Each structure stands twice: as C-alpha cells, then as structure tokens.
C-alpha cells in the first residue's frame, strides 16, 4: 500500500474513533439516555480505534 494512502486512512480512522466515542458519551449523558445509540456509537468508535492502531504499527519482518 502506498505510504501516503496508509497515513491518510490511519488519520481518518483516528478521527472517526474520537468522534464515535464522543458521540457515545454525549448520547449516554442525555436525559433520558439513548442507550442503544450510545452503545452503537461506542462500538463503531472502538472498531475505528483498533483499525487506526493496526494501521499505524510498524511491520514485523
């Protein structure tokens, strides 16, 4: 994979992870709490976080 494309996708994953986790906290803190929406946003944010970490690791040879 091209290095520039990999960096772009990694940054996109990290930004999406932060937005997903912030959205989860905001939905959980409303009155009444939107629990299914918060769980869904948290799961999506966690998946993007894992993808960003996996893409930013150095390859093992």
Protein backbone atom coordinates (compact mmCIF):
# COMPACT_ATOMS: atom_id res chain seq x y z
CA UNK A 1 0.00 0.00 0.00
CA UNK A 2 1.21 3.48 -0.81
CA UNK A 3 2.58 5.24 2.28
CA UNK A 4 0.56 8.42 1.74
CA UNK A 5 -2.68 6.47 1.38
CA UNK A 6 -1.92 4.47 4.50
CA UNK A 7 -1.26 7.65 6.51
CA UNK A 8 -4.49 9.22 5.22
CA UNK A 9 -6.56 6.15 6.15
CA UNK A 10 -4.91 5.97 9.59
CA UNK A 11 -5.70 9.62 10.35
CA UNK A 12 -9.26 9.10 9.12
CA UNK A 13 -9.64 6.09 11.44
CA UNK A 14 -8.35 8.02 14.46
CA UNK A 15 -10.64 10.99 13.80
CA UNK A 16 -13.62 8.66 13.30
CA UNK A 17 -12.77 6.85 16.53
CA UNK A 18 -12.71 10.07 18.53
CA UNK A 19 -15.98 11.23 17.00
CA UNK A 20 -17.64 7.88 17.68
CA UNK A 21 -16.55 7.80 21.31
CA UNK A 22 -17.54 11.44 21.89
CA UNK A 23 -20.94 10.76 20.33
CA UNK A 24 -21.37 7.73 22.59
CA UNK A 25 -20.65 9.80 25.70
CA UNK A 26 -22.98 12.58 24.56
CA UNK A 27 -25.82 10.15 23.85
CA UNK A 28 -25.34 8.39 27.17
CA UNK A 29 -25.39 11.65 29.12
CA UNK A 30 -28.71 12.94 27.75
CA UNK A 31 -31.93 12.75 29.73
CA UNK A 32 -33.33 10.13 29.15
CA UNK A 33 -30.18 8.34 27.94
CA UNK A 34 -30.17 6.94 24.42
CA UNK A 35 -28.57 3.63 25.38
CA UNK A 36 -28.78 1.77 22.03
CA UNK A 37 -27.36 4.76 20.19
CA UNK A 38 -24.58 5.17 22.73
CA UNK A 39 -23.63 1.50 22.51
CA UNK A 40 -23.66 1.58 18.71
CA UNK A 41 -21.54 4.71 18.54
CA UNK A 42 -19.12 3.30 21.09
CA UNK A 43 -18.72 0.05 19.16
CA UNK A 44 -18.14 1.87 15.88
CA UNK A 45 -15.64 4.21 17.56
CA UNK A 46 -13.83 1.23 19.09
CA UNK A 47 -13.61 -0.53 15.73
CA UNK A 48 -12.12 2.57 14.11
CA UNK A 49 -9.66 2.91 17.01
CA UNK A 50 -8.50 -0.68 16.59
CA UNK A 51 -8.16 -0.15 12.82
CA UNK A 52 -6.10 3.00 13.35
CA UNK A 53 -3.77 1.27 15.78
CA UNK A 54 -3.39 -1.70 13.44
CA UNK A 55 -2.53 0.57 10.51
CA UNK A 56 -0.02 2.66 12.49
CA UNK A 57 2.03 -0.31 13.72
CA UNK A 58 5.40 -0.96 12.17
CA UNK A 59 5.52 -4.10 10.05
CA UNK A 60 7.27 -7.13 11.52
CA UNK A 61 9.63 -8.88 9.19
